[in-house]
N, C-alpha and C. Protein backbone atom coordinates (compact mmCIF):
# COMPACT_ATOMS: atom_id res chain seq x y z
N MET A 1 -31.21 135.60 20.65
CA MET A 1 -30.44 136.80 20.89
C MET A 1 -30.61 137.26 22.33
N LYS A 2 -31.83 137.12 22.89
CA LYS A 2 -32.09 137.57 24.25
C LYS A 2 -31.19 136.84 25.24
N ARG A 3 -30.94 135.55 25.01
CA ARG A 3 -30.15 134.76 25.93
C ARG A 3 -28.71 135.26 26.01
N ALA A 4 -28.14 135.69 24.89
CA ALA A 4 -26.76 136.15 24.87
C ALA A 4 -26.59 137.45 25.65
N ARG A 5 -27.64 138.25 25.80
CA ARG A 5 -27.55 139.54 26.49
C ARG A 5 -27.93 139.46 27.97
N ASN A 6 -28.26 138.29 28.44
CA ASN A 6 -28.64 138.10 29.82
C ASN A 6 -27.49 138.57 30.73
N PRO A 7 -27.73 139.53 31.62
CA PRO A 7 -26.66 140.05 32.47
C PRO A 7 -25.99 138.99 33.34
N THR A 8 -26.78 138.03 33.81
CA THR A 8 -26.20 136.98 34.64
C THR A 8 -25.30 136.08 33.82
N ARG A 9 -25.70 135.81 32.60
CA ARG A 9 -24.86 135.00 31.71
C ARG A 9 -23.53 135.71 31.44
N ILE A 10 -23.59 137.01 31.24
CA ILE A 10 -22.38 137.80 31.04
C ILE A 10 -21.53 137.77 32.30
N ALA A 11 -22.18 137.86 33.48
CA ALA A 11 -21.44 137.82 34.74
C ALA A 11 -20.75 136.46 34.91
N PHE A 12 -21.45 135.37 34.58
CA PHE A 12 -20.83 134.04 34.68
C PHE A 12 -19.64 133.93 33.73
N ALA A 13 -19.77 134.47 32.52
CA ALA A 13 -18.64 134.46 31.58
C ALA A 13 -17.49 135.28 32.16
N GLY A 14 -17.81 136.39 32.79
CA GLY A 14 -16.78 137.20 33.45
C GLY A 14 -16.09 136.46 34.58
N ILE A 15 -16.88 135.68 35.34
CA ILE A 15 -16.31 134.88 36.43
C ILE A 15 -15.31 133.87 35.87
N VAL A 16 -15.72 133.17 34.81
CA VAL A 16 -14.83 132.17 34.21
C VAL A 16 -13.56 132.84 33.69
N CYS A 17 -13.71 133.97 33.01
CA CYS A 17 -12.54 134.70 32.51
C CYS A 17 -11.64 135.16 33.65
N SER A 18 -12.24 135.67 34.73
CA SER A 18 -11.42 136.13 35.85
C SER A 18 -10.68 134.97 36.52
N LEU A 19 -11.34 133.82 36.61
CA LEU A 19 -10.66 132.66 37.19
C LEU A 19 -9.49 132.21 36.31
N ILE A 20 -9.69 132.21 35.00
CA ILE A 20 -8.62 131.82 34.08
C ILE A 20 -7.45 132.81 34.17
N ILE A 21 -7.77 134.09 34.14
CA ILE A 21 -6.72 135.12 34.21
C ILE A 21 -6.00 135.04 35.56
N SER A 22 -6.75 134.87 36.64
CA SER A 22 -6.14 134.76 37.96
C SER A 22 -5.21 133.57 38.04
N ALA A 23 -5.64 132.45 37.49
CA ALA A 23 -4.79 131.25 37.49
C ALA A 23 -3.52 131.48 36.68
N MET A 24 -3.67 132.07 35.50
CA MET A 24 -2.51 132.32 34.64
C MET A 24 -1.52 133.27 35.32
N VAL A 25 -2.03 134.35 35.89
CA VAL A 25 -1.16 135.31 36.58
C VAL A 25 -0.48 134.64 37.77
N GLY A 26 -1.26 133.90 38.54
CA GLY A 26 -0.70 133.20 39.70
C GLY A 26 0.39 132.22 39.31
N ILE A 27 0.15 131.44 38.30
CA ILE A 27 1.16 130.47 37.83
C ILE A 27 2.40 131.19 37.33
N PHE A 28 2.21 132.27 36.58
CA PHE A 28 3.35 133.04 36.06
C PHE A 28 4.21 133.58 37.21
N VAL A 29 3.57 134.19 38.19
CA VAL A 29 4.31 134.75 39.33
C VAL A 29 5.04 133.65 40.09
N ILE A 30 4.38 132.52 40.27
CA ILE A 30 5.00 131.41 41.01
C ILE A 30 6.20 130.85 40.25
N LEU A 31 6.06 130.67 38.94
CA LEU A 31 7.11 130.02 38.16
C LEU A 31 8.30 130.94 37.85
N VAL A 32 8.05 132.20 37.49
CA VAL A 32 9.15 133.04 37.03
C VAL A 32 9.33 134.31 37.86
N GLY A 33 8.52 134.52 38.85
CA GLY A 33 8.61 135.75 39.63
C GLY A 33 9.71 135.72 40.66
N ASP A 34 10.03 136.90 41.15
CA ASP A 34 11.03 137.06 42.20
C ASP A 34 10.39 137.21 43.57
N PHE A 35 9.07 137.22 43.60
CA PHE A 35 8.30 137.40 44.82
C PHE A 35 8.64 138.71 45.51
N ASP A 36 8.79 139.76 44.69
CA ASP A 36 8.96 141.08 45.27
C ASP A 36 7.59 141.60 45.70
N GLU A 37 7.55 142.78 46.26
CA GLU A 37 6.31 143.31 46.84
C GLU A 37 5.19 143.40 45.80
N THR A 38 5.50 143.88 44.61
CA THR A 38 4.47 144.03 43.57
C THR A 38 3.93 142.68 43.13
N GLU A 39 4.80 141.70 42.95
CA GLU A 39 4.33 140.37 42.54
C GLU A 39 3.47 139.72 43.61
N ILE A 40 3.81 139.92 44.87
CA ILE A 40 2.99 139.39 45.96
C ILE A 40 1.62 140.05 45.94
N LYS A 41 1.59 141.36 45.71
CA LYS A 41 0.31 142.07 45.63
C LYS A 41 -0.52 141.56 44.45
N ILE A 42 0.12 141.31 43.33
CA ILE A 42 -0.57 140.77 42.15
C ILE A 42 -1.12 139.37 42.47
N LEU A 43 -0.33 138.57 43.14
CA LEU A 43 -0.76 137.21 43.51
C LEU A 43 -1.96 137.27 44.45
N PHE A 44 -1.92 138.15 45.45
CA PHE A 44 -3.06 138.30 46.36
C PHE A 44 -4.29 138.84 45.64
N THR A 45 -4.08 139.76 44.71
CA THR A 45 -5.20 140.30 43.94
C THR A 45 -5.84 139.20 43.10
N SER A 46 -5.01 138.38 42.46
CA SER A 46 -5.54 137.26 41.67
C SER A 46 -6.32 136.29 42.54
N GLY A 47 -5.78 135.98 43.70
CA GLY A 47 -6.47 135.07 44.61
C GLY A 47 -7.78 135.64 45.12
N SER A 48 -7.79 136.93 45.43
CA SER A 48 -9.04 137.53 45.92
C SER A 48 -10.07 137.65 44.81
N LEU A 49 -9.63 137.84 43.58
CA LEU A 49 -10.56 137.86 42.45
C LEU A 49 -11.20 136.48 42.25
N ALA A 50 -10.38 135.45 42.37
CA ALA A 50 -10.91 134.09 42.29
C ALA A 50 -11.90 133.83 43.43
N GLY A 51 -11.56 134.30 44.64
CA GLY A 51 -12.46 134.13 45.78
C GLY A 51 -13.78 134.84 45.58
N LEU A 52 -13.73 136.07 45.06
CA LEU A 52 -14.95 136.82 44.76
C LEU A 52 -15.80 136.06 43.74
N SER A 53 -15.16 135.53 42.73
CA SER A 53 -15.88 134.81 41.69
C SER A 53 -16.62 133.60 42.25
N ILE A 54 -15.92 132.83 43.06
CA ILE A 54 -16.52 131.63 43.64
C ILE A 54 -17.62 132.00 44.64
N LEU A 55 -17.33 132.97 45.49
CA LEU A 55 -18.28 133.37 46.53
C LEU A 55 -19.59 133.91 45.95
N SER A 56 -19.52 134.61 44.84
CA SER A 56 -20.71 135.27 44.30
C SER A 56 -21.57 134.36 43.42
N MET A 57 -21.14 133.15 43.14
CA MET A 57 -21.91 132.27 42.26
C MET A 57 -23.34 132.01 42.71
N PRO A 58 -23.59 131.70 44.00
CA PRO A 58 -24.99 131.49 44.40
C PRO A 58 -25.86 132.74 44.19
N SER A 59 -25.31 133.91 44.41
CA SER A 59 -26.08 135.14 44.17
C SER A 59 -26.44 135.27 42.70
N PHE A 60 -25.47 135.05 41.82
CA PHE A 60 -25.74 135.12 40.38
C PHE A 60 -26.75 134.06 39.95
N PHE A 61 -26.65 132.86 40.53
CA PHE A 61 -27.58 131.78 40.20
C PHE A 61 -29.03 132.22 40.44
N HIS A 62 -29.27 132.80 41.61
CA HIS A 62 -30.64 133.22 41.95
C HIS A 62 -31.07 134.48 41.21
N LEU A 63 -30.13 135.39 40.95
CA LEU A 63 -30.48 136.57 40.17
C LEU A 63 -30.92 136.17 38.76
N GLU A 64 -30.24 135.19 38.19
CA GLU A 64 -30.60 134.73 36.86
C GLU A 64 -32.01 134.15 36.83
N ARG A 65 -32.38 133.47 37.89
CA ARG A 65 -33.69 132.84 37.98
C ARG A 65 -34.75 133.75 38.59
N LYS A 66 -34.34 134.96 38.94
CA LYS A 66 -35.24 135.94 39.55
C LYS A 66 -35.88 135.39 40.82
N GLN A 67 -35.04 134.74 41.65
CA GLN A 67 -35.47 134.19 42.93
C GLN A 67 -34.70 134.89 44.04
N TYR A 68 -35.33 135.10 45.17
CA TYR A 68 -34.67 135.67 46.34
C TYR A 68 -33.85 136.90 45.93
N MET A 69 -34.49 137.80 45.19
CA MET A 69 -33.79 138.92 44.57
C MET A 69 -33.09 139.83 45.58
N ILE A 70 -33.76 140.18 46.66
CA ILE A 70 -33.15 141.09 47.64
C ILE A 70 -31.96 140.42 48.31
N VAL A 71 -32.14 139.18 48.73
CA VAL A 71 -31.05 138.45 49.39
C VAL A 71 -29.89 138.25 48.42
N SER A 72 -30.19 137.93 47.17
CA SER A 72 -29.14 137.73 46.17
C SER A 72 -28.36 139.02 45.92
N ARG A 73 -29.05 140.12 45.89
CA ARG A 73 -28.36 141.42 45.72
C ARG A 73 -27.47 141.73 46.92
N VAL A 74 -27.98 141.44 48.11
CA VAL A 74 -27.16 141.65 49.32
C VAL A 74 -25.92 140.76 49.25
N GLY A 75 -26.10 139.51 48.86
CA GLY A 75 -24.96 138.59 48.75
C GLY A 75 -23.93 139.07 47.75
N LEU A 76 -24.39 139.55 46.62
CA LEU A 76 -23.49 140.04 45.58
C LEU A 76 -22.79 141.33 46.01
N MET A 77 -23.54 142.27 46.57
CA MET A 77 -22.96 143.56 46.96
C MET A 77 -21.96 143.41 48.11
N THR A 78 -22.25 142.53 49.06
CA THR A 78 -21.30 142.34 50.16
C THR A 78 -20.04 141.63 49.66
N ALA A 79 -20.20 140.70 48.71
CA ALA A 79 -19.02 140.04 48.14
C ALA A 79 -18.14 141.06 47.40
N ILE A 80 -18.77 141.92 46.61
CA ILE A 80 -18.01 142.95 45.89
C ILE A 80 -17.39 143.94 46.88
N GLY A 81 -18.14 144.32 47.90
CA GLY A 81 -17.60 145.22 48.93
C GLY A 81 -16.38 144.64 49.63
N GLY A 82 -16.45 143.35 49.95
CA GLY A 82 -15.31 142.68 50.57
C GLY A 82 -14.11 142.64 49.64
N PHE A 83 -14.36 142.37 48.37
CA PHE A 83 -13.28 142.35 47.37
C PHE A 83 -12.61 143.72 47.29
N LEU A 84 -13.42 144.77 47.24
CA LEU A 84 -12.87 146.13 47.14
C LEU A 84 -12.07 146.49 48.40
N ALA A 85 -12.55 146.08 49.57
CA ALA A 85 -11.82 146.36 50.81
C ALA A 85 -10.48 145.62 50.80
N ILE A 86 -10.49 144.39 50.32
CA ILE A 86 -9.24 143.63 50.23
C ILE A 86 -8.27 144.31 49.27
N GLN A 87 -8.79 144.83 48.16
CA GLN A 87 -7.92 145.55 47.22
C GLN A 87 -7.32 146.79 47.86
N LEU A 88 -8.11 147.48 48.66
CA LEU A 88 -7.62 148.65 49.37
C LEU A 88 -6.47 148.27 50.29
N VAL A 89 -6.64 147.18 51.01
CA VAL A 89 -5.60 146.72 51.93
C VAL A 89 -4.34 146.30 51.15
N ILE A 90 -4.53 145.58 50.05
CA ILE A 90 -3.39 145.09 49.28
C ILE A 90 -2.59 146.23 48.65
N TRP A 91 -3.28 147.19 48.06
CA TRP A 91 -2.61 148.17 47.21
C TRP A 91 -2.32 149.52 47.86
N SER A 92 -2.77 149.75 49.07
CA SER A 92 -2.49 151.05 49.67
C SER A 92 -1.58 150.87 50.87
N GLU A 93 -1.09 151.97 51.36
CA GLU A 93 -0.15 151.96 52.48
C GLU A 93 -0.77 152.55 53.74
N GLY A 94 -2.08 152.82 53.74
CA GLY A 94 -2.73 153.52 54.84
C GLY A 94 -3.03 152.63 56.03
N ASP A 95 -3.54 153.27 57.10
CA ASP A 95 -3.94 152.51 58.29
C ASP A 95 -5.42 152.15 58.25
N PHE A 96 -6.15 152.62 57.25
CA PHE A 96 -7.54 152.25 56.98
C PHE A 96 -8.52 152.62 58.08
N GLY A 97 -8.22 153.61 58.88
CA GLY A 97 -9.16 154.06 59.89
C GLY A 97 -9.15 153.25 61.16
N GLY A 98 -8.20 152.38 61.34
CA GLY A 98 -8.05 151.65 62.59
C GLY A 98 -9.05 150.53 62.78
N GLU A 99 -9.42 150.36 64.03
CA GLU A 99 -10.25 149.23 64.45
C GLU A 99 -11.61 149.20 63.74
N PHE A 100 -12.22 150.36 63.56
CA PHE A 100 -13.54 150.40 62.91
C PHE A 100 -13.48 149.80 61.51
N PHE A 101 -12.45 150.14 60.75
CA PHE A 101 -12.31 149.62 59.39
C PHE A 101 -12.27 148.10 59.40
N TRP A 102 -11.43 147.53 60.26
CA TRP A 102 -11.28 146.07 60.28
C TRP A 102 -12.56 145.38 60.75
N LYS A 103 -13.26 145.98 61.70
CA LYS A 103 -14.54 145.41 62.14
C LYS A 103 -15.57 145.46 61.01
N ALA A 104 -15.59 146.56 60.26
CA ALA A 104 -16.52 146.70 59.14
C ALA A 104 -16.19 145.68 58.04
N VAL A 105 -14.91 145.50 57.74
CA VAL A 105 -14.51 144.52 56.72
C VAL A 105 -14.87 143.11 57.16
N ALA A 106 -14.62 142.79 58.42
CA ALA A 106 -14.97 141.46 58.93
C ALA A 106 -16.48 141.24 58.89
N THR A 107 -17.25 142.25 59.25
CA THR A 107 -18.72 142.16 59.21
C THR A 107 -19.19 141.93 57.78
N ASP A 108 -18.63 142.68 56.84
CA ASP A 108 -18.97 142.51 55.44
C ASP A 108 -18.64 141.09 54.97
N GLY A 109 -17.47 140.59 55.35
CA GLY A 109 -17.08 139.24 54.96
C GLY A 109 -18.01 138.18 55.52
N ILE A 110 -18.41 138.35 56.76
CA ILE A 110 -19.35 137.40 57.38
C ILE A 110 -20.69 137.44 56.64
N LEU A 111 -21.17 138.64 56.34
CA LEU A 111 -22.44 138.76 55.60
C LEU A 111 -22.33 138.14 54.21
N ALA A 112 -21.24 138.43 53.50
CA ALA A 112 -21.07 137.90 52.15
C ALA A 112 -21.04 136.37 52.17
N PHE A 113 -20.26 135.81 53.09
CA PHE A 113 -20.14 134.36 53.15
C PHE A 113 -21.46 133.72 53.58
N SER A 114 -22.08 134.25 54.64
CA SER A 114 -23.29 133.59 55.16
C SER A 114 -24.46 133.71 54.19
N VAL A 115 -24.64 134.87 53.56
CA VAL A 115 -25.74 135.04 52.62
C VAL A 115 -25.56 134.11 51.42
N ASN A 116 -24.35 134.04 50.88
CA ASN A 116 -24.11 133.15 49.74
C ASN A 116 -24.16 131.68 50.15
N HIS A 117 -23.79 131.39 51.39
CA HIS A 117 -23.93 130.03 51.92
C HIS A 117 -25.41 129.63 51.94
N MET A 118 -26.25 130.52 52.46
CA MET A 118 -27.69 130.25 52.47
C MET A 118 -28.24 130.09 51.05
N LEU A 119 -27.81 130.98 50.17
CA LEU A 119 -28.29 130.91 48.78
C LEU A 119 -27.85 129.62 48.10
N SER A 120 -26.69 129.09 48.47
CA SER A 120 -26.26 127.82 47.87
C SER A 120 -27.18 126.68 48.31
N LEU A 121 -27.68 126.73 49.54
CA LEU A 121 -28.63 125.71 49.99
C LEU A 121 -29.97 125.86 49.28
N LEU A 122 -30.32 127.09 48.94
CA LEU A 122 -31.58 127.34 48.26
C LEU A 122 -31.52 126.98 46.77
N MET A 123 -30.36 126.61 46.28
CA MET A 123 -30.23 126.17 44.89
C MET A 123 -30.83 124.77 44.69
N MET A 124 -30.87 123.98 45.76
CA MET A 124 -31.38 122.61 45.66
C MET A 124 -32.89 122.60 45.58
N ARG A 125 -33.41 121.75 44.73
CA ARG A 125 -34.86 121.56 44.66
C ARG A 125 -35.26 120.50 45.68
N VAL A 126 -36.02 120.92 46.66
CA VAL A 126 -36.50 119.99 47.67
C VAL A 126 -38.00 120.14 47.79
N GLU A 127 -38.68 119.00 47.91
CA GLU A 127 -40.13 119.00 48.04
C GLU A 127 -40.60 118.26 49.28
N GLN A 128 -39.83 117.26 49.70
CA GLN A 128 -40.24 116.48 50.86
C GLN A 128 -40.20 117.37 52.10
N PRO A 129 -41.24 117.29 52.92
CA PRO A 129 -41.32 118.16 54.11
C PRO A 129 -40.10 118.07 55.03
N LEU A 130 -39.55 116.88 55.23
CA LEU A 130 -38.38 116.73 56.09
C LEU A 130 -37.18 117.49 55.52
N LEU A 131 -37.00 117.42 54.21
CA LEU A 131 -35.88 118.12 53.57
C LEU A 131 -36.09 119.63 53.59
N VAL A 132 -37.32 120.06 53.37
CA VAL A 132 -37.62 121.50 53.43
C VAL A 132 -37.33 122.01 54.84
N MET A 133 -37.79 121.28 55.84
CA MET A 133 -37.58 121.68 57.22
C MET A 133 -36.08 121.67 57.56
N SER A 134 -35.36 120.66 57.08
CA SER A 134 -33.91 120.58 57.33
C SER A 134 -33.18 121.75 56.69
N ARG A 135 -33.59 122.11 55.48
CA ARG A 135 -32.94 123.24 54.81
C ARG A 135 -33.17 124.53 55.59
N TRP A 136 -34.39 124.79 56.02
CA TRP A 136 -34.67 126.02 56.75
C TRP A 136 -34.02 126.02 58.12
N ALA A 137 -33.90 124.85 58.75
CA ALA A 137 -33.19 124.76 60.03
C ALA A 137 -31.70 125.09 59.83
N THR A 138 -31.13 124.61 58.73
CA THR A 138 -29.73 124.91 58.44
C THR A 138 -29.55 126.40 58.14
N ILE A 139 -30.47 126.98 57.40
CA ILE A 139 -30.41 128.42 57.11
C ILE A 139 -30.52 129.22 58.41
N LEU A 140 -31.37 128.78 59.32
CA LEU A 140 -31.47 129.44 60.62
C LEU A 140 -30.15 129.33 61.39
N ALA A 141 -29.51 128.16 61.32
CA ALA A 141 -28.22 127.98 61.99
C ALA A 141 -27.16 128.88 61.37
N ILE A 142 -27.13 128.98 60.05
CA ILE A 142 -26.18 129.87 59.37
C ILE A 142 -26.40 131.31 59.82
N SER A 143 -27.66 131.73 59.86
CA SER A 143 -27.98 133.09 60.29
C SER A 143 -27.55 133.34 61.72
N THR A 144 -27.79 132.38 62.59
CA THR A 144 -27.42 132.51 64.00
C THR A 144 -25.91 132.62 64.15
N VAL A 145 -25.18 131.79 63.43
CA VAL A 145 -23.72 131.84 63.48
C VAL A 145 -23.23 133.21 63.00
N ALA A 146 -23.78 133.70 61.90
CA ALA A 146 -23.37 135.00 61.38
C ALA A 146 -23.65 136.13 62.37
N ILE A 147 -24.84 136.13 62.94
CA ILE A 147 -25.20 137.18 63.90
C ILE A 147 -24.29 137.13 65.12
N PHE A 148 -24.02 135.93 65.62
CA PHE A 148 -23.16 135.80 66.79
C PHE A 148 -21.74 136.28 66.47
N MET A 149 -21.22 135.89 65.29
CA MET A 149 -19.87 136.32 64.91
C MET A 149 -19.78 137.84 64.81
N MET A 150 -20.82 138.46 64.25
CA MET A 150 -20.81 139.92 64.17
C MET A 150 -20.90 140.54 65.57
N TYR A 151 -21.68 139.94 66.44
CA TYR A 151 -21.76 140.42 67.82
C TYR A 151 -20.39 140.35 68.49
N VAL A 152 -19.70 139.22 68.30
CA VAL A 152 -18.37 139.05 68.90
C VAL A 152 -17.41 140.12 68.38
N ILE A 153 -17.49 140.42 67.09
CA ILE A 153 -16.61 141.44 66.51
C ILE A 153 -16.85 142.80 67.13
N TRP A 154 -18.10 143.16 67.36
CA TRP A 154 -18.41 144.52 67.82
C TRP A 154 -18.50 144.65 69.34
N ALA A 155 -18.69 143.54 70.05
CA ALA A 155 -18.79 143.59 71.52
C ALA A 155 -17.40 143.42 72.13
N ASN A 156 -17.26 143.84 73.34
CA ASN A 156 -15.96 143.73 74.01
C ASN A 156 -15.79 142.42 74.77
N GLU A 157 -16.88 141.82 75.19
CA GLU A 157 -16.76 140.55 75.90
C GLU A 157 -17.94 139.65 75.58
N VAL A 158 -17.68 138.37 75.66
CA VAL A 158 -18.71 137.38 75.36
C VAL A 158 -18.72 136.37 76.50
N PRO A 159 -19.88 136.11 77.10
CA PRO A 159 -19.96 135.13 78.19
C PRO A 159 -19.61 133.73 77.71
N GLU A 160 -18.99 132.95 78.60
CA GLU A 160 -18.58 131.59 78.24
C GLU A 160 -19.76 130.74 77.80
N GLN A 161 -20.90 130.87 78.46
CA GLN A 161 -22.07 130.08 78.09
C GLN A 161 -22.52 130.40 76.66
N ALA A 162 -22.40 131.65 76.24
CA ALA A 162 -22.75 132.03 74.87
C ALA A 162 -21.82 131.36 73.88
N ILE A 163 -20.56 131.23 74.23
CA ILE A 163 -19.59 130.56 73.35
C ILE A 163 -19.96 129.09 73.19
N ARG A 164 -20.40 128.46 74.26
CA ARG A 164 -20.80 127.05 74.19
C ARG A 164 -22.03 126.87 73.29
N ILE A 165 -22.99 127.77 73.44
CA ILE A 165 -24.19 127.70 72.60
C ILE A 165 -23.80 127.95 71.14
N PHE A 166 -22.94 128.95 70.91
CA PHE A 166 -22.46 129.26 69.57
C PHE A 166 -21.79 128.04 68.94
N ALA A 167 -20.91 127.39 69.68
CA ALA A 167 -20.21 126.21 69.16
C ALA A 167 -21.20 125.11 68.79
N SER A 168 -22.25 124.95 69.58
CA SER A 168 -23.28 123.95 69.26
C SER A 168 -24.00 124.30 67.97
N VAL A 169 -24.31 125.57 67.78
CA VAL A 169 -24.98 125.99 66.55
C VAL A 169 -24.06 125.82 65.34
N VAL A 170 -22.75 126.05 65.52
CA VAL A 170 -21.79 125.83 64.44
C VAL A 170 -21.81 124.36 64.01
N VAL A 171 -21.90 123.46 64.98
CA VAL A 171 -21.97 122.02 64.66
C VAL A 171 -23.24 121.73 63.85
N LEU A 172 -24.37 122.31 64.25
CA LEU A 172 -25.61 122.11 63.50
C LEU A 172 -25.52 122.70 62.10
N ASP A 173 -24.87 123.84 61.98
CA ASP A 173 -24.64 124.48 60.68
C ASP A 173 -23.84 123.54 59.78
N ALA A 174 -22.75 123.02 60.30
CA ALA A 174 -21.91 122.10 59.51
C ALA A 174 -22.68 120.83 59.15
N LEU A 175 -23.42 120.29 60.11
CA LEU A 175 -24.21 119.09 59.86
C LEU A 175 -25.20 119.30 58.72
N GLY A 176 -25.95 120.38 58.78
CA GLY A 176 -26.93 120.66 57.73
C GLY A 176 -26.28 120.91 56.39
N THR A 177 -25.17 121.65 56.40
CA THR A 177 -24.48 121.96 55.15
C THR A 177 -23.97 120.70 54.47
N ILE A 178 -23.48 119.76 55.24
CA ILE A 178 -22.93 118.53 54.67
C ILE A 178 -24.03 117.51 54.39
N ALA A 179 -24.94 117.32 55.34
CA ALA A 179 -25.94 116.26 55.23
C ALA A 179 -27.06 116.57 54.24
N LEU A 180 -27.47 117.84 54.15
CA LEU A 180 -28.61 118.18 53.31
C LEU A 180 -28.41 117.80 51.84
N PRO A 181 -27.30 118.14 51.21
CA PRO A 181 -27.14 117.73 49.81
C PRO A 181 -27.13 116.21 49.63
N ILE A 182 -26.58 115.50 50.61
CA ILE A 182 -26.58 114.03 50.55
C ILE A 182 -28.01 113.51 50.66
N MET A 183 -28.78 114.07 51.59
CA MET A 183 -30.17 113.63 51.77
C MET A 183 -31.00 113.94 50.52
N VAL A 184 -30.76 115.09 49.91
CA VAL A 184 -31.49 115.44 48.69
C VAL A 184 -31.14 114.45 47.59
N ARG A 185 -29.88 114.15 47.46
CA ARG A 185 -29.44 113.18 46.42
C ARG A 185 -30.05 111.80 46.68
N LEU A 186 -30.03 111.35 47.93
CA LEU A 186 -30.60 110.05 48.26
C LEU A 186 -32.10 110.01 48.00
N SER A 187 -32.78 111.13 48.19
CA SER A 187 -34.22 111.17 47.97
C SER A 187 -34.59 111.03 46.48
N LYS A 188 -33.64 111.29 45.61
CA LYS A 188 -33.90 111.21 44.17
C LYS A 188 -33.49 109.89 43.55
N ILE A 189 -32.82 109.05 44.32
CA ILE A 189 -32.42 107.73 43.82
C ILE A 189 -33.61 106.79 43.93
N LYS A 190 -33.93 106.16 42.85
CA LYS A 190 -35.09 105.25 42.84
C LYS A 190 -34.65 103.82 42.99
């Protein structure tokens, strides 16, 4: 009985239901809709709900296992905050407070994506020192990319040399994100 009441299990069931509903609504609008303003808003809402569901999975994974609790909560709350901001943009007619609003939404999106990206890497079980070091180096690269992107959003100018360094860190981020799961898998093949 305890397992059925697990909040994370309920959240995962909610994610699956939201993905199914989003897909059904999206297909319905695409097949029989007139693509008027309301249907477009419904389609965007369905897509953003699916995005929230996918983005928040690493946070739910760690919350269920009671690991990295603070980081997982930050990942979940920023994902929900981003979803709510997107809903505000989709369904209202306001100017949303101008530049500050858009910078805050972009910052929230960067935090949501980067935190859940890091949490997805922490889902892998790694024991070999090289893999542990590679994972933490990739997490450092993800953090650096996120911090730089937020700096770019809030600053008025960025030196060219900083852009070159940023681009190099993005390459390391991508390398670690792609190579680490492959290396972990190869380490388990006997």
